[in-house]
Structures are given as C-alpha cells and as structure tokens.
C-alpha atoms as a PDB file:
ATOM      1  CA  UNK A   1     -25.540 -12.269  -7.343  1.00  0.00           C
ATOM      2  CA  UNK A   2     -24.668 -15.722  -6.205  1.00  0.00           C
ATOM      3  CA  UNK A   3     -20.918 -16.579  -5.848  1.00  0.00           C
ATOM      4  CA  UNK A   4     -21.223 -19.093  -8.726  1.00  0.00           C
ATOM      5  CA  UNK A   5     -21.999 -16.118 -10.952  1.00  0.00           C
ATOM      6  CA  UNK A   6     -19.509 -13.584  -9.396  1.00  0.00           C
ATOM      7  CA  UNK A   7     -18.116 -11.154 -12.008  1.00  0.00           C
ATOM      8  CA  UNK A   8     -14.712  -9.366 -11.101  1.00  0.00           C
ATOM      9  CA  UNK A   9     -12.711  -6.642 -13.076  1.00  0.00           C
ATOM     10  CA  UNK A  10     -11.122  -8.112 -16.170  1.00  0.00           C
ATOM     11  CA  UNK A  11      -7.318  -7.341 -15.701  1.00  0.00           C
ATOM     12  CA  UNK A  12      -6.045  -9.284 -18.720  1.00  0.00           C
ATOM     13  CA  UNK A  13      -8.008  -7.279 -21.273  1.00  0.00           C
ATOM     14  CA  UNK A  14      -6.588  -4.060 -20.461  1.00  0.00           C
ATOM     15  CA  UNK A  15      -3.474  -2.117 -21.682  1.00  0.00           C
ATOM     16  CA  UNK A  16      -0.951  -4.270 -23.392  1.00  0.00           C
ATOM     17  CA  UNK A  17       1.817  -2.208 -21.917  1.00  0.00           C
ATOM     18  CA  UNK A  18       1.429  -3.380 -18.451  1.00  0.00           C
ATOM     19  CA  UNK A  19       4.170  -5.198 -16.848  1.00  0.00           C
ATOM     20  CA  UNK A  20       4.006  -8.500 -15.073  1.00  0.00           C
ATOM     21  CA  UNK A  21       3.963  -6.869 -11.686  1.00  0.00           C
ATOM     22  CA  UNK A  22       1.329  -4.438 -12.525  1.00  0.00           C
ATOM     23  CA  UNK A  23      -0.939  -7.395 -13.404  1.00  0.00           C
ATOM     24  CA  UNK A  24       0.258  -9.479 -10.430  1.00  0.00           C
ATOM     25  CA  UNK A  25      -0.734  -6.487  -8.389  1.00  0.00           C
ATOM     26  CA  UNK A  26      -4.101  -5.900  -9.982  1.00  0.00           C
ATOM     27  CA  UNK A  27      -4.703  -9.960  -9.453  1.00  0.00           C
ATOM     28  CA  UNK A  28      -3.943  -9.540  -5.993  1.00  0.00           C
ATOM     29  CA  UNK A  29      -6.793  -7.157  -5.659  1.00  0.00           C
ATOM     30  CA  UNK A  30      -9.205  -9.169  -7.490  1.00  0.00           C
ATOM     31  CA  UNK A  31      -8.302 -12.238  -5.099  1.00  0.00           C
ATOM     32  CA  UNK A  32      -8.915  -9.956  -2.194  1.00  0.00           C
ATOM     33  CA  UNK A  33     -12.354  -8.900  -3.409  1.00  0.00           C
ATOM     34  CA  UNK A  34     -13.448 -12.518  -4.423  1.00  0.00           C
ATOM     35  CA  UNK A  35     -12.192 -14.138  -1.082  1.00  0.00           C
ATOM     36  CA  UNK A  36     -15.822 -13.563   0.641  1.00  0.00           C
ATOM     37  CA  UNK A  37     -17.272 -15.902  -1.833  1.00  0.00           C
ATOM     38  CA  UNK A  38     -14.583 -18.518  -2.201  1.00  0.00           C
ATOM     39  CA  UNK A  39     -12.460 -19.223   0.865  1.00  0.00           C
ATOM     40  CA  UNK A  40      -9.588 -20.719  -1.252  1.00  0.00           C
ATOM     41  CA  UNK A  41      -9.040 -17.294  -2.762  1.00  0.00           C
ATOM     42  CA  UNK A  42      -7.667 -16.181   0.517  1.00  0.00           C
ATOM     43  CA  UNK A  43      -4.537 -18.422   0.113  1.00  0.00           C
ATOM     44  CA  UNK A  44      -4.494 -17.218  -3.706  1.00  0.00           C
ATOM     45  CA  UNK A  45      -4.378 -13.558  -2.382  1.00  0.00           C
ATOM     46  CA  UNK A  46      -1.599 -14.314   0.196  1.00  0.00           C
ATOM     47  CA  UNK A  47       0.613 -16.059  -2.345  1.00  0.00           C
ATOM     48  CA  UNK A  48       0.138 -13.134  -4.943  1.00  0.00           C
ATOM     49  CA  UNK A  49       0.618 -10.488  -2.164  1.00  0.00           C
ATOM     50  CA  UNK A  50       3.866 -12.245  -1.075  1.00  0.00           C
ATOM     51  CA  UNK A  51       5.168 -12.056  -4.663  1.00  0.00           C
ATOM     52  CA  UNK A  52       4.200  -8.592  -5.230  1.00  0.00           C
ATOM     53  CA  UNK A  53       6.105  -7.588  -1.944  1.00  0.00           C
ATOM     54  CA  UNK A  54       9.045  -9.432  -2.536  1.00  0.00           C
ATOM     55  CA  UNK A  55       9.417  -8.506  -6.326  1.00  0.00           C
ATOM     56  CA  UNK A  56       8.479  -4.778  -6.309  1.00  0.00           C
ATOM     57  CA  UNK A  57       9.333  -1.677  -4.411  1.00  0.00           C
ATOM     58  CA  UNK A  58       6.841   0.135  -6.446  1.00  0.00           C
ATOM     59  CA  UNK A  59       3.610  -1.780  -6.313  1.00  0.00           C
ATOM     60  CA  UNK A  60       1.827  -1.950  -2.938  1.00  0.00           C
ATOM     61  CA  UNK A  61      -1.013  -4.754  -3.190  1.00  0.00           C
ATOM     62  CA  UNK A  62      -3.774  -4.550  -3.288  1.00  0.00           C
ATOM     63  CA  UNK A  63      -3.597  -2.197  -6.243  1.00  0.00           C
ATOM     64  CA  UNK A  64      -6.293   0.433  -6.980  1.00  0.00           C
ATOM     65  CA  UNK A  65      -8.167  -0.476 -10.135  1.00  0.00           C
ATOM     66  CA  UNK A  66     -10.508   1.563 -12.170  1.00  0.00           C
ATOM     67  CA  UNK A  67     -13.803   0.152 -13.019  1.00  0.00           C
ATOM     68  CA  UNK A  68     -13.859  -1.484 -16.467  1.00  0.00           C
ATOM     69  CA  UNK A  69     -14.785  -4.485 -18.280  1.00  0.00           C
ATOM     70  CA  UNK A  70     -15.830  -7.722 -16.241  1.00  0.00           C
ATOM     71  CA  UNK A  71     -15.187 -11.278 -16.555  1.00  0.00           C
ATOM     72  CA  UNK A  72     -16.233 -14.322 -14.525  1.00  0.00           C
ATOM     73  CA  UNK A  73     -14.222 -15.376 -11.473  1.00  0.00           C
ATOM     74  CA  UNK A  74     -13.795 -18.650 -12.966  1.00  0.00           C
ATOM     75  CA  UNK A  75     -12.473 -17.178 -16.287  1.00  0.00           C
ATOM     76  CA  UNK A  76     -10.085 -14.646 -14.279  1.00  0.00           C
ATOM     77  CA  UNK A  77      -8.825 -17.813 -12.353  1.00  0.00           C
ATOM     78  CA  UNK A  78      -8.076 -19.804 -15.695  1.00  0.00           C
ATOM     79  CA  UNK A  79      -6.275 -16.697 -17.238  1.00  0.00           C
ATOM     80  CA  UNK A  80      -4.279 -16.148 -13.955  1.00  0.00           C
END
C-alpha cells in the first residue's frame, strides 16, 4: 500500500463514552504508526505524546488499540 492510500484505525467512530484523553492517547498511537510514511507525523506524534503525558496519569501513550474499522490517514488528520 502506498503512503497516499494508507489506512489507519478509525478512533473517532468508536465508543462515544471515551473521554478526550483516551482519544488523544489513541491518536498518539495512530500518529506513531503513520510516521514511516509521513515524516511530519513525527512532530504530530511528539506533540500528542507531550499532551497525554502532561494531562494524564492513567494513560501511557502510545495506547493499545484493538483492530477495528479503518479510515484514510488524510481523514484521520482532518478529524483530529
């Protein structure tokens, strides 16, 4: 799969009971996984990681995620 067509786990379509920190933690994981295709995601990853580390004592990024629905990397970034 080319980087332009890269799919990632859809973290915004899941459980509506998730709080912002859970979503940020999962977003950190997605950014980590996508950085091999897009070097700018390294900066996104580092910023998200910093937010999670500063704001949560419970979540340890990158967070584990179950396989589920996918979305394009572009749509993930727009939703983020």
